[in-house]
Amino acid sequence: MASADFASPALSDALVILGAAGLVIPVFTRFRITPVIGFILIGLLVGPYGLGRLVFEHPWLNHITISDPEALDPFAEFGIILLLFTIGLELSFNRLWQMRRLVFGLGALELLIIGSSLAIFLSMMGQYWTGALALGVALAFSSTAIVLPIAGTHSPVGRAALSMLLFEDIMIVPIIFVLGAMAPNAEADGWEGMLTTLWQGGLVVAAMMVVGRFALPRLFGQAARTKSPELFLAAALLVVIGASLATAAVGLSPIVGALIAGLLIAETEYHGEIETIMEPFKGLALGVFLITVGMSIDLATIWNNLALIATAVIFVLLFKAMVTGVLLRLMGARRSTAAETGILMASPSETTLIVLAAASSALLIQPGTAQFWQIVTAIGLTFTPLLAKLGRIIARRVDPIPDLASDSGTEPRVIIVGAGRVGLLVAQLLDAHQKPYVALDSDPDLIDRATRKGYRATFGDAARGDAMSRLGVDNALAVVLTMDEPVLVQRLVAKLRKEHPDLLIVCRARDVAHAAELYRAGASHAVPETLESSLQLSEAVLVDIGVAMGPVIASIHEKRDEFRAQIEQEGALDYKPKLRTSTVEG
């Protein structure tokens, strides 16, 4: 009985997937190649169009092939749900509101222009207009699952890509409803069903936001008090799966619920721990999704239609890259950002496969047409990591920016993260006292303006890669975080404190509550904007009404120290990090 269980198809498929992850991740990481390509190639190898063709001739291949590709679909969908959940953790409602112009402006224009243009072209090539519209919209989507892990969400390229991908994710449900209503045998209740789903979905989303703001801090607070990682993980999975099921129950996409759950948790102080716990599950589930993409590629069909498929892939990639790049330039993006984002967003998406399936089931396109474009989509997804590298190369050529490699970082200095108004003011004061510094920012426009004004600034993303290490954080005098992104600042503080226990970390805080959170994360000093503005106002009033400057300055310093002690107490600061103050003095 035990041997029969071990030989079951489910266990065999699980063994293949885990074995693929164990091979792909270390090997491709060793050669600095994204594991995305490795997982797709594994799917191609172990799928029905790879070694699966030979199972009847060589039964032992059953142990290293996927016996039931369709059984992996729920796990692949779960991977995308976890991806949107972690994206929500990196965002906040405030940041999402700040991005509204990009999401509903750039995102809507990108989907509308690319979709309608491709539909017109396919209609001119002989495709009936309903099928051409379905194909055009499907091919306009870009891959959330592959693009965002490559680009991140904090760099200019990442923010532009995120805004377009968010709008695409929002539009999935209306588009699928419209395709169903366009079917030859569709009834009038198709449009009524869409309206019902929209108002019911709106109520569910509103209820989730209200309940989540009150319930989630208490839920994770209770889980944290138990000091049980298992309970913390169970609570996180409960929230993300429950939110996804709630939106799916009323007809919305489950990824909408996952994104909202992430946004709600991002507003709590437990988001960092949850993101760390969920990361391995997201990576493995996304690996399953990429394996399913590879399994859909039929090399025999590609070989028989090589010229036509190659032409379609090249046309789609070039057209989408050109339109996206032009739109970004028209909206004021830098040439390097527009070029890199356009090329990165050029390939079709996993959502393209969903829309193609919906169009095929609605009889808007023929099964053969759907299969052709599914192959084009799978090939495009495979090329996405290569497109990312190509985009970075072209971006550096069309609009050179300062390179981290040109700055060795051997001299101890202050690292200022953020080259905006606050960061440059800090740089001015360091310059005035002849203290070495370098400013780091992921926005090339800010770097360009800073270097033109004579500041020592360089390009890089402190949240990703080895940017801080290459600037010499190991022997830095201090790190000053000046960005107005509370979640990112808190994450960076925790990371820096963990890796550099003795480092002096000074942070810009949005308010007193945020400052307390930064102290808990390990900040040496956290300066609330609201507190400093109040003290400066008080100083100006006291001096102007005749109080002597000396007593005013003394009282301001006394009040500042009093508030700092109070904030540290509220932040439950149970230690004071050892600071390398001796190198700063003098």
Protein backbone atom coordinates (compact mmCIF):
# COMPACT_ATOMS: atom_id res chain seq x y z
CA MET A 1 0.00 0.00 0.00
CA ALA A 2 2.86 2.36 0.87
CA SER A 3 4.57 1.74 -2.46
CA ALA A 4 1.33 2.42 -4.31
CA ASP A 5 0.95 5.73 -2.51
CA PHE A 6 4.52 6.69 -3.32
CA ALA A 7 3.94 5.94 -6.96
CA SER A 8 0.80 8.09 -7.13
CA PRO A 9 0.80 10.77 -9.87
CA ALA A 10 0.40 13.61 -7.37
CA LEU A 11 3.48 12.61 -5.38
CA SER A 12 5.46 12.03 -8.56
CA ASP A 13 4.55 15.49 -9.89
CA ALA A 14 5.43 17.08 -6.53
CA LEU A 15 8.82 15.36 -6.63
CA VAL A 16 9.46 16.70 -10.15
CA ILE A 17 8.54 20.27 -9.12
CA LEU A 18 10.64 20.25 -5.95
CA GLY A 19 13.54 18.67 -7.82
CA ALA A 20 13.26 21.34 -10.52
CA ALA A 21 13.36 24.10 -7.89
CA GLY A 22 16.36 22.49 -6.22
CA LEU A 23 18.23 22.45 -9.54
CA VAL A 24 17.08 25.65 -11.22
CA ILE A 25 17.45 28.19 -8.40
CA PRO A 26 21.07 27.46 -7.34
CA VAL A 27 22.37 26.75 -10.86
CA PHE A 28 20.87 29.81 -12.50
CA THR A 29 21.73 32.00 -9.51
CA ARG A 30 25.34 30.80 -9.73
CA PHE A 31 25.56 32.10 -13.31
CA ARG A 32 23.56 35.26 -12.46
CA ILE A 33 20.69 34.26 -14.73
CA THR A 34 17.12 34.76 -13.56
CA PRO A 35 15.45 31.45 -12.52
CA VAL A 36 12.44 32.47 -14.65
CA ILE A 37 14.07 31.06 -17.76
CA GLY A 38 15.10 27.91 -15.89
CA PHE A 39 11.57 27.14 -14.70
CA ILE A 40 10.12 27.68 -18.19
CA LEU A 41 12.76 25.38 -19.71
CA ILE A 42 12.02 22.74 -17.05
CA GLY A 43 8.33 22.97 -17.93
CA LEU A 44 9.17 22.52 -21.60
CA LEU A 45 11.31 19.49 -20.76
CA VAL A 46 8.96 17.64 -18.39
CA GLY A 47 5.68 18.65 -20.05
CA PRO A 48 3.48 16.78 -22.53
CA TYR A 49 5.32 18.27 -25.52
CA GLY A 50 8.76 17.37 -24.11
CA LEU A 51 9.68 14.10 -22.47
CA GLY A 52 5.96 13.43 -22.01
CA ARG A 53 5.81 12.39 -25.67
CA LEU A 54 8.09 9.45 -24.91
CA VAL A 55 6.31 8.07 -21.82
CA PHE A 56 4.56 5.28 -23.72
CA GLU A 57 7.84 4.10 -25.23
CA HIS A 58 9.81 4.51 -21.98
CA PRO A 59 7.49 4.14 -18.95
CA TRP A 60 10.27 5.09 -16.49
CA LEU A 61 9.96 8.66 -17.74
CA ASN A 62 6.74 8.86 -15.71
CA HIS A 63 8.91 9.57 -12.68
CA ILE A 64 10.50 12.70 -14.19
CA THR A 65 7.56 14.14 -16.14
CA ILE A 66 4.33 15.89 -15.16
CA SER A 67 1.55 13.35 -15.52
CA ASP A 68 -1.37 15.80 -15.19
CA PRO A 69 -0.47 19.36 -16.32
CA GLU A 70 -3.97 20.69 -15.59
CA ALA A 71 -3.64 19.67 -11.93
CA LEU A 72 -0.95 22.34 -11.54
CA ASP A 73 -3.27 25.20 -12.54
CA PRO A 74 -4.58 25.88 -9.00
CA PHE A 75 -1.02 26.08 -7.66
CA ALA A 76 -0.02 28.40 -10.51
CA GLU A 77 -2.99 30.65 -9.72
CA PHE A 78 -2.03 30.62 -6.05
CA GLY A 79 1.45 31.82 -7.03
CA ILE A 80 0.01 34.84 -8.81
CA ILE A 81 -2.27 35.53 -5.82
CA LEU A 82 0.71 35.51 -3.47
CA LEU A 83 2.61 37.80 -5.84
CA LEU A 84 -0.16 40.41 -5.79
CA PHE A 85 -0.38 40.03 -2.03
CA THR A 86 3.33 40.82 -1.59
CA ILE A 87 3.00 43.75 -4.02
CA GLY A 88 0.28 45.11 -1.75
CA LEU A 89 2.65 44.71 1.23
CA GLU A 90 5.20 46.94 -0.53
CA LEU A 91 2.58 49.60 -1.22
CA SER A 92 0.26 51.60 1.00
CA PHE A 93 -3.04 53.34 0.38
CA ASN A 94 -1.26 56.67 0.52
CA ARG A 95 1.28 55.62 -2.09
CA LEU A 96 -1.44 54.10 -4.26
CA TRP A 97 -3.37 57.37 -4.11
CA GLN A 98 -0.24 59.25 -5.13
CA MET A 99 0.03 56.92 -8.16
CA ARG A 100 -3.58 57.42 -9.30
CA ARG A 101 -2.53 59.61 -12.25
CA LEU A 102 -0.19 56.93 -13.52
CA VAL A 103 -2.58 54.03 -12.86
CA PHE A 104 -5.69 55.53 -14.45
CA GLY A 105 -3.85 57.78 -16.90
CA LEU A 106 -0.83 55.93 -18.20
CA GLY A 107 -2.31 52.49 -17.50
CA ALA A 108 -5.58 53.23 -19.28
CA LEU A 109 -3.87 54.85 -22.28
CA GLU A 110 -1.42 51.97 -22.64
CA LEU A 111 -4.13 49.29 -22.62
CA LEU A 112 -6.49 51.28 -24.86
CA ILE A 113 -3.95 52.31 -27.52
CA ILE A 114 -2.12 48.99 -27.78
CA GLY A 115 -5.32 46.93 -27.65
CA SER A 116 -7.21 48.97 -30.24
CA SER A 117 -4.20 49.28 -32.57
CA LEU A 118 -3.55 45.53 -32.55
CA ALA A 119 -7.27 44.89 -33.05
CA ILE A 120 -7.35 47.17 -36.12
CA PHE A 121 -4.26 45.50 -37.55
CA LEU A 122 -5.61 41.96 -37.01
CA SER A 123 -8.96 42.97 -38.48
CA MET A 124 -7.17 44.25 -41.60
CA MET A 125 -5.38 40.89 -41.79
CA GLY A 126 -8.73 39.08 -42.10
CA GLN A 127 -9.74 38.35 -38.51
CA TYR A 128 -13.43 39.07 -37.79
CA TRP A 129 -13.74 42.28 -35.74
CA THR A 130 -14.95 40.64 -32.49
CA GLY A 131 -12.09 38.15 -32.55
CA ALA A 132 -9.61 40.88 -33.51
CA LEU A 133 -10.76 42.98 -30.55
CA ALA A 134 -10.37 40.03 -28.18
CA LEU A 135 -6.88 39.24 -29.51
CA GLY A 136 -5.81 42.88 -29.41
CA VAL A 137 -6.82 43.32 -25.78
CA ALA A 138 -5.28 39.98 -24.79
CA LEU A 139 -1.91 40.81 -26.32
CA ALA A 140 -1.90 44.28 -24.74
CA PHE A 141 -1.51 42.77 -21.26
CA SER A 142 1.98 42.46 -19.74
CA SER A 143 3.21 39.98 -17.17
CA THR A 144 2.76 40.98 -13.54
CA ALA A 145 4.29 37.69 -12.37
CA ILE A 146 7.59 38.23 -14.21
CA VAL A 147 7.95 42.00 -14.68
CA LEU A 148 7.54 43.17 -11.08
CA PRO A 149 10.05 40.76 -9.49
CA ILE A 150 12.56 42.02 -12.06
CA ALA A 151 11.78 45.75 -11.86
CA GLY A 152 10.70 46.10 -8.23
CA THR A 153 8.25 48.82 -7.21
CA HIS A 154 10.47 51.66 -6.00
CA SER A 155 12.60 52.59 -9.04
CA PRO A 156 11.17 54.85 -11.80
CA VAL A 157 10.94 51.81 -14.11
CA GLY A 158 9.25 49.79 -11.38
CA ARG A 159 6.73 52.54 -10.59
CA ALA A 160 5.81 53.01 -14.26
CA ALA A 161 5.45 49.25 -14.79
CA LEU A 162 3.45 48.86 -11.57
CA SER A 163 0.97 51.56 -12.57
CA MET A 164 0.24 49.92 -15.93
CA LEU A 165 0.08 46.41 -14.47
CA LEU A 166 -2.29 47.51 -11.70
CA PHE A 167 -4.71 48.96 -14.22
CA GLU A 168 -4.51 45.79 -16.30
CA ASP A 169 -5.27 43.67 -13.23
CA ILE A 170 -8.26 45.89 -12.41
CA MET A 171 -9.61 45.52 -15.96
CA ILE A 172 -9.41 41.72 -16.18
CA VAL A 173 -12.93 41.10 -14.90
CA PRO A 174 -14.75 43.74 -17.04
CA ILE A 175 -12.90 42.56 -20.15
CA ILE A 176 -13.83 38.91 -19.62
CA PHE A 177 -17.47 39.91 -19.05
CA VAL A 178 -17.50 41.99 -22.23
CA LEU A 179 -16.03 39.09 -24.23
CA GLY A 180 -18.75 36.81 -22.88
CA ALA A 181 -21.43 39.36 -23.83
CA MET A 182 -19.98 39.53 -27.38
CA ALA A 183 -20.40 35.78 -27.91
CA PRO A 184 -22.73 34.82 -30.81
CA ASN A 185 -25.16 33.06 -28.44
CA ALA A 186 -24.87 35.58 -25.59
CA GLU A 187 -28.04 36.77 -23.91
CA ALA A 188 -28.90 40.21 -22.57
CA ASP A 189 -28.20 39.19 -19.00
CA GLY A 190 -24.46 39.20 -19.77
CA TRP A 191 -24.30 42.97 -19.29
CA GLU A 192 -26.59 42.77 -16.27
CA GLY A 193 -24.26 40.18 -14.79
CA MET A 194 -21.31 42.49 -15.22
CA LEU A 195 -23.11 45.37 -13.50
CA THR A 196 -24.19 43.07 -10.67
CA THR A 197 -20.64 41.86 -10.20
CA LEU A 198 -19.30 45.41 -10.14
CA TRP A 199 -21.67 46.71 -7.45
CA GLN A 200 -21.40 43.56 -5.36
CA GLY A 201 -17.63 43.64 -5.74
CA GLY A 202 -17.58 47.28 -4.65
CA LEU A 203 -19.51 46.40 -1.48
CA VAL A 204 -17.17 43.49 -0.72
CA VAL A 205 -14.06 45.62 -1.22
CA ALA A 206 -15.48 48.40 0.98
CA ALA A 207 -16.37 45.86 3.70
CA MET A 208 -12.87 44.35 3.53
CA MET A 209 -11.26 47.76 3.94
CA VAL A 210 -13.42 48.71 6.92
CA VAL A 211 -13.15 45.36 8.72
CA GLY A 212 -9.47 44.91 7.84
CA ARG A 213 -8.37 48.22 9.38
CA PHE A 214 -9.80 47.18 12.76
CA ALA A 215 -9.41 43.39 12.72
CA LEU A 216 -5.98 42.82 11.16
CA PRO A 217 -3.84 44.66 13.75
CA ARG A 218 -5.58 42.71 16.51
CA LEU A 219 -5.29 39.39 14.65
CA PHE A 220 -1.56 39.70 13.98
CA GLY A 221 -0.94 41.27 17.38
CA GLN A 222 -2.40 38.20 19.02
CA ALA A 223 -0.37 35.93 16.73
CA ALA A 224 2.80 37.88 17.58
CA ARG A 225 2.20 37.52 21.33
CA THR A 226 2.26 33.73 21.01
CA LYS A 227 5.76 33.99 19.46
CA SER A 228 4.77 31.13 17.18
CA PRO A 229 5.94 31.49 13.53
CA GLU A 230 3.48 28.77 12.54
CA LEU A 231 0.52 30.77 13.87
CA PHE A 232 1.81 33.92 12.19
CA LEU A 233 2.06 32.07 8.87
CA ALA A 234 -1.40 30.53 9.34
CA ALA A 235 -2.90 33.96 10.04
CA ALA A 236 -1.26 35.46 6.93
CA LEU A 237 -2.49 32.62 4.70
CA LEU A 238 -5.95 32.90 6.26
CA VAL A 239 -6.13 36.58 5.38
CA VAL A 240 -4.86 36.33 1.80
CA ILE A 241 -6.91 33.24 0.91
CA GLY A 242 -10.02 34.59 2.64
CA ALA A 243 -9.75 37.93 0.82
CA SER A 244 -9.21 36.18 -2.52
CA LEU A 245 -12.22 33.91 -1.99
CA ALA A 246 -14.37 36.90 -0.97
CA THR A 247 -13.72 38.76 -4.21
CA ALA A 248 -13.95 35.58 -6.29
CA ALA A 249 -17.34 34.78 -4.72
CA VAL A 250 -18.88 37.91 -6.26
CA GLY A 251 -17.22 37.43 -9.64
CA LEU A 252 -14.15 39.62 -9.24
CA SER A 253 -10.66 38.27 -9.79
CA PRO A 254 -9.13 36.69 -6.67
CA ILE A 255 -5.98 38.75 -7.23
CA VAL A 256 -8.01 41.89 -6.42
CA GLY A 257 -8.72 40.49 -2.97
CA ALA A 258 -5.07 39.49 -2.53
CA LEU A 259 -3.87 42.99 -3.45
CA ILE A 260 -6.31 44.65 -1.01
CA ALA A 261 -5.26 42.25 1.75
CA GLY A 262 -1.64 43.22 1.16
CA LEU A 263 -2.47 46.94 1.22
CA LEU A 264 -4.34 46.57 4.51
CA ILE A 265 -1.52 44.63 6.17
CA ALA A 266 1.00 47.18 4.84
CA GLU A 267 -0.68 49.73 7.10
CA THR A 268 0.13 47.60 10.17
CA GLU A 269 3.48 47.18 11.90
CA TYR A 270 3.60 43.47 11.07
CA HIS A 271 4.02 43.77 7.30
CA GLY A 272 7.79 43.20 7.34
CA GLU A 273 7.52 39.90 9.23
CA ILE A 274 4.67 38.72 7.01
CA GLU A 275 6.58 39.55 3.83
CA THR A 276 9.57 37.55 5.08
CA ILE A 277 7.43 34.55 5.99
CA MET A 278 5.52 34.53 2.68
CA GLU A 279 8.53 34.98 0.39
CA PRO A 280 9.48 31.26 0.03
CA PHE A 281 5.88 30.26 -0.67
CA LYS A 282 5.53 32.98 -3.31
CA GLY A 283 8.76 31.94 -5.03
CA LEU A 284 7.86 28.26 -5.18
CA ALA A 285 4.27 28.90 -6.32
CA LEU A 286 5.52 31.27 -9.05
CA GLY A 287 7.94 28.54 -10.09
CA VAL A 288 4.95 26.23 -10.59
CA PHE A 289 3.26 28.90 -12.72
CA LEU A 290 6.36 29.27 -14.90
CA ILE A 291 6.58 25.49 -15.29
CA THR A 292 2.99 25.49 -16.60
CA VAL A 293 3.99 28.18 -19.11
CA GLY A 294 6.85 26.00 -20.34
CA MET A 295 4.54 22.97 -20.62
CA SER A 296 2.31 24.88 -23.06
CA ILE A 297 5.13 25.30 -25.61
CA ASP A 298 4.96 22.71 -28.40
CA LEU A 299 8.31 22.66 -30.17
CA ALA A 300 6.91 20.63 -33.06
CA THR A 301 4.22 23.21 -33.76
CA ILE A 302 6.80 25.99 -33.48
CA TRP A 303 9.09 24.25 -35.95
CA ASN A 304 6.27 23.70 -38.45
CA ASN A 305 5.22 27.38 -38.24
CA LEU A 306 8.59 28.89 -37.37
CA ALA A 307 8.53 31.86 -39.74
CA LEU A 308 4.96 32.89 -38.90
CA ILE A 309 5.43 32.53 -35.12
CA ALA A 310 8.76 34.39 -35.18
CA THR A 311 7.18 37.23 -37.17
CA ALA A 312 4.26 37.44 -34.72
CA VAL A 313 6.54 37.47 -31.67
CA ILE A 314 8.85 40.15 -33.09
CA PHE A 315 5.92 42.30 -34.25
CA VAL A 316 4.16 42.19 -30.86
CA LEU A 317 7.35 42.92 -28.91
CA LEU A 318 8.43 45.81 -31.12
CA PHE A 319 4.99 47.40 -31.31
CA LYS A 320 4.29 47.22 -27.55
CA ALA A 321 7.77 48.50 -26.68
CA MET A 322 7.42 51.44 -29.07
CA VAL A 323 3.93 52.49 -27.90
CA THR A 324 4.73 52.15 -24.19
CA GLY A 325 7.99 54.07 -24.56
CA VAL A 326 6.35 56.91 -26.51
CA LEU A 327 3.52 57.19 -23.95
CA LEU A 328 6.01 57.44 -21.10
CA ARG A 329 7.98 60.15 -22.89
CA LEU A 330 4.78 62.12 -23.55
CA MET A 331 3.99 61.91 -19.82
CA GLY A 332 7.37 63.36 -18.94
CA ALA A 333 9.47 60.27 -18.20
CA ARG A 334 13.20 60.35 -18.81
CA ARG A 335 14.43 58.74 -22.05
CA SER A 336 16.22 55.95 -20.19
CA THR A 337 13.13 55.18 -18.09
CA ALA A 338 10.84 55.20 -21.14
CA ALA A 339 13.14 52.94 -23.15
CA GLU A 340 13.75 50.42 -20.37
CA THR A 341 10.09 50.27 -19.30
CA GLY A 342 8.84 49.95 -22.86
CA ILE A 343 11.13 47.01 -23.62
CA LEU A 344 10.41 45.33 -20.27
CA MET A 345 6.63 45.57 -20.80
CA ALA A 346 6.77 44.36 -24.42
CA SER A 347 5.98 40.66 -23.94
CA PRO A 348 2.43 39.34 -23.46
CA SER A 349 1.24 38.08 -20.10
CA GLU A 350 -0.12 35.16 -18.14
CA THR A 351 -3.36 37.16 -18.26
CA THR A 352 -3.17 36.96 -22.07
CA LEU A 353 -3.66 33.20 -21.73
CA ILE A 354 -6.75 33.77 -19.55
CA VAL A 355 -8.28 36.24 -22.02
CA LEU A 356 -7.49 33.93 -24.95
CA ALA A 357 -9.26 31.06 -23.18
CA ALA A 358 -12.29 33.30 -22.51
CA ALA A 359 -12.41 34.45 -26.13
CA SER A 360 -12.13 30.87 -27.38
CA SER A 361 -14.91 29.61 -25.09
CA ALA A 362 -17.10 32.51 -26.29
CA LEU A 363 -16.46 31.36 -29.90
CA LEU A 364 -14.90 34.72 -30.81
CA ILE A 365 -11.74 33.02 -32.12
CA GLN A 366 -11.07 29.54 -33.47
CA PRO A 367 -9.19 26.96 -31.34
CA GLY A 368 -6.31 26.93 -33.82
CA THR A 369 -5.99 30.72 -33.60
CA ALA A 370 -6.05 30.56 -29.82
CA GLN A 371 -3.30 27.89 -29.81
CA PHE A 372 -1.12 29.98 -32.15
CA TRP A 373 -1.29 33.06 -29.93
CA GLN A 374 -0.82 30.94 -26.78
CA ILE A 375 2.51 29.79 -28.24
CA VAL A 376 3.42 33.39 -29.10
CA THR A 377 2.57 34.40 -25.52
CA ALA A 378 4.62 31.57 -23.98
CA ILE A 379 7.64 32.49 -26.10
CA GLY A 380 7.23 36.16 -25.17
CA LEU A 381 7.11 35.28 -21.46
CA THR A 382 10.31 33.25 -21.87
CA PHE A 383 12.05 36.25 -23.43
CA THR A 384 11.00 38.71 -20.67
CA PRO A 385 14.18 38.39 -18.54
CA LEU A 386 16.28 38.85 -21.68
CA LEU A 387 14.21 41.89 -22.61
CA ALA A 388 14.91 43.31 -19.14
CA LYS A 389 18.67 43.03 -19.71
CA LEU A 390 18.32 44.52 -23.20
CA GLY A 391 16.26 47.39 -21.79
CA ARG A 392 18.92 48.25 -19.22
CA ILE A 393 21.64 48.23 -21.90
CA ILE A 394 19.65 50.46 -24.25
CA ALA A 395 18.65 52.79 -21.38
CA ARG A 396 22.31 53.39 -20.53
CA ARG A 397 23.07 54.15 -24.17
CA VAL A 398 20.19 56.54 -24.89
CA ASP A 399 20.57 58.47 -21.63
CA PRO A 400 23.76 57.76 -19.64
CA ILE A 401 23.46 58.06 -15.88
CA PRO A 402 26.11 57.91 -13.16
CA ASP A 403 27.29 54.35 -12.58
CA LEU A 404 27.86 52.88 -9.14
CA ALA A 405 30.92 51.05 -10.43
CA SER A 406 32.70 54.38 -10.93
CA ASP A 407 32.44 55.12 -7.20
CA SER A 408 34.54 52.70 -5.20
CA GLY A 409 33.34 53.88 -1.80
CA THR A 410 36.68 53.19 -0.05
CA GLU A 411 36.66 56.47 1.94
CA PRO A 412 34.47 56.49 5.09
CA ARG A 413 31.60 58.88 4.46
CA VAL A 414 27.93 59.57 5.05
CA ILE A 415 25.51 57.81 2.68
CA ILE A 416 22.38 59.86 2.00
CA VAL A 417 19.56 57.73 0.61
CA GLY A 418 17.34 60.07 -1.38
CA ALA A 419 18.48 62.99 -3.53
CA GLY A 420 15.35 65.09 -3.17
CA ARG A 421 14.90 68.38 -1.34
CA VAL A 422 15.66 67.00 2.14
CA GLY A 423 18.59 64.86 1.02
CA LEU A 424 20.30 67.75 -0.77
CA LEU A 425 19.86 70.00 2.25
CA VAL A 426 21.67 67.39 4.37
CA ALA A 427 24.39 67.26 1.69
CA GLN A 428 24.79 71.05 1.83
CA LEU A 429 25.37 71.01 5.58
CA LEU A 430 27.82 68.11 5.35
CA ASP A 431 29.70 70.05 2.67
CA ALA A 432 29.74 73.16 4.84
CA HIS A 433 31.45 71.18 7.62
CA GLN A 434 33.76 69.39 5.13
CA LYS A 435 32.37 65.93 5.83
CA PRO A 436 32.47 63.42 2.93
CA TYR A 437 29.16 62.10 1.63
CA VAL A 438 27.45 60.51 -1.36
CA ALA A 439 23.73 60.70 -2.21
CA LEU A 440 21.98 57.66 -3.63
CA ASP A 441 18.65 57.68 -5.49
CA SER A 442 16.77 55.42 -7.92
CA ASP A 443 15.29 58.38 -9.80
CA PRO A 444 17.67 59.34 -12.63
CA ASP A 445 16.04 62.76 -12.97
CA LEU A 446 16.90 63.64 -9.35
CA ILE A 447 20.44 62.33 -9.82
CA ASP A 448 20.84 64.38 -12.99
CA ARG A 449 19.67 67.59 -11.26
CA ALA A 450 21.87 66.94 -8.22
CA THR A 451 25.04 66.31 -10.24
CA ARG A 452 24.37 69.39 -12.40
CA LYS A 453 24.31 71.47 -9.20
CA GLY A 454 27.61 69.99 -8.04
CA TYR A 455 26.43 67.44 -5.48
CA ARG A 456 28.12 64.04 -5.21
CA ALA A 457 25.23 61.80 -6.23
CA THR A 458 24.97 58.43 -7.91
CA PHE A 459 22.23 56.19 -9.26
CA GLY A 460 21.05 53.05 -7.48
CA ASP A 461 18.18 51.43 -5.60
CA ALA A 462 18.97 51.04 -1.90
CA ALA A 463 16.18 48.47 -1.54
CA ARG A 464 17.56 46.11 -4.17
CA GLY A 465 20.89 44.57 -5.08
CA ASP A 466 24.26 45.57 -3.67
CA ALA A 467 24.01 49.35 -4.13
CA MET A 468 24.71 50.13 -0.46
CA SER A 469 27.60 47.68 -0.27
CA ARG A 470 29.25 49.18 -3.33
CA LEU A 471 29.05 52.62 -1.74
CA GLY A 472 30.90 51.37 1.33
CA VAL A 473 28.16 50.94 3.94
CA ASP A 474 30.48 48.60 5.86
CA ASN A 475 32.65 51.53 6.93
CA ALA A 476 30.21 54.41 6.46
CA LEU A 477 30.15 57.24 8.99
CA ALA A 478 26.34 57.17 8.92
CA VAL A 479 23.35 56.42 6.72
CA VAL A 480 20.70 59.14 6.40
CA LEU A 481 17.32 58.03 5.02
CA THR A 482 15.45 61.05 3.64
CA MET A 483 12.74 59.48 1.43
CA ASP A 484 9.06 60.24 2.01
CA GLU A 485 8.12 56.54 1.78
CA PRO A 486 7.37 55.29 5.31
CA VAL A 487 7.15 51.58 4.47
CA LEU A 488 10.39 51.56 2.48
CA VAL A 489 12.26 53.56 5.15
CA GLN A 490 11.17 51.17 7.89
CA ARG A 491 12.20 48.15 5.81
CA LEU A 492 15.61 49.65 5.07
CA VAL A 493 16.20 50.52 8.73
CA ALA A 494 15.46 46.94 9.80
CA LYS A 495 17.71 45.54 7.09
CA LEU A 496 20.60 47.90 7.84
CA ARG A 497 20.38 47.36 11.59
CA LYS A 498 20.41 43.58 11.14
CA GLU A 499 23.44 43.66 8.83
CA HIS A 500 25.33 46.50 10.57
CA PRO A 501 24.62 46.56 14.35
CA ASP A 502 26.98 49.50 15.02
CA LEU A 503 25.89 51.75 12.15
CA LEU A 504 24.55 55.25 12.84
CA ILE A 505 21.14 55.37 11.10
CA VAL A 506 19.32 58.71 10.98
CA CYS A 507 15.84 58.76 9.43
CA ARG A 508 13.25 61.21 8.25
CA ALA A 509 9.90 60.27 9.79
CA ARG A 510 6.49 61.38 8.63
CA ASP A 511 5.09 61.88 12.14
CA VAL A 512 5.59 60.82 15.76
CA ALA A 513 3.95 57.42 15.27
CA HIS A 514 6.18 56.68 12.28
CA ALA A 515 9.23 57.76 14.29
CA ALA A 516 8.31 55.28 17.03
CA GLU A 517 8.08 52.51 14.43
CA LEU A 518 11.52 53.45 13.09
CA TYR A 519 13.01 53.28 16.58
CA ARG A 520 11.53 49.82 16.97
CA ALA A 521 13.08 48.83 13.64
CA GLY A 522 16.52 49.94 14.86
CA ALA A 523 16.96 53.60 13.95
CA SER A 524 19.54 55.60 15.89
CA HIS A 525 17.60 58.84 15.40
CA ALA A 526 14.19 59.41 13.79
CA VAL A 527 13.18 63.02 13.11
CA PRO A 528 9.41 63.61 12.65
CA GLU A 529 8.62 66.33 10.11
CA THR A 530 5.59 67.52 12.08
CA LEU A 531 7.60 67.90 15.31
CA GLU A 532 10.44 69.87 13.72
CA SER A 533 8.07 72.23 11.90
CA SER A 534 6.26 72.89 15.20
CA LEU A 535 9.54 73.67 16.98
CA GLN A 536 10.66 76.02 14.21
CA LEU A 537 7.32 77.83 14.29
CA SER A 538 7.61 78.20 18.07
CA GLU A 539 11.16 79.55 17.76
CA ALA A 540 10.12 82.15 15.17
CA VAL A 541 7.17 83.35 17.27
CA LEU A 542 9.18 83.62 20.51
CA VAL A 543 12.04 85.55 18.91
CA ASP A 544 9.75 87.92 17.03
CA ILE A 545 7.74 88.81 20.15
CA GLY A 546 10.89 89.83 22.00
CA VAL A 547 12.19 86.76 23.85
CA ALA A 548 16.01 86.58 23.89
CA MET A 549 17.57 84.17 21.39
CA GLY A 550 19.61 82.23 24.01
CA PRO A 551 16.70 81.12 26.22
CA VAL A 552 14.61 80.34 23.12
CA ILE A 553 17.27 78.03 21.68
CA ALA A 554 17.75 76.35 25.06
CA SER A 555 14.01 75.75 25.48
CA ILE A 556 13.74 74.41 21.91
CA HIS A 557 16.59 71.96 22.55
CA GLU A 558 15.01 70.93 25.85
CA LYS A 559 11.64 70.34 24.21
CA ARG A 560 13.26 68.41 21.35
CA ASP A 561 15.04 66.10 23.82
CA GLU A 562 11.82 65.64 25.77
CA PHE A 563 9.91 64.63 22.66
CA ARG A 564 12.73 62.32 21.54
CA ALA A 565 12.68 60.50 24.87
CA GLN A 566 8.91 60.17 24.65
CA ILE A 567 9.07 58.79 21.10
CA GLU A 568 11.74 56.27 22.07
CA GLN A 569 9.58 55.16 24.99
CA GLU A 570 6.52 54.80 22.73
CA GLY A 571 8.65 52.84 20.28
CA ALA A 572 9.48 50.34 23.03
CA LEU A 573 13.17 51.01 22.43
CA ASP A 574 14.81 48.42 24.66
CA TYR A 575 18.37 49.02 23.45
CA LYS A 576 20.59 51.81 22.23
CA PRO A 577 22.80 50.69 19.34
CA LYS A 578 26.53 51.22 19.66
CA LEU A 579 27.33 54.19 17.47
CA ARG A 580 30.62 55.00 15.80
CA THR A 581 30.50 58.59 17.02
CA SER A 582 34.24 58.94 17.42
CA THR A 583 34.75 59.02 13.66
CA VAL A 584 32.08 61.69 13.24
CA GLU A 585 33.36 64.16 15.77
CA GLY A 586 35.85 66.82 14.95
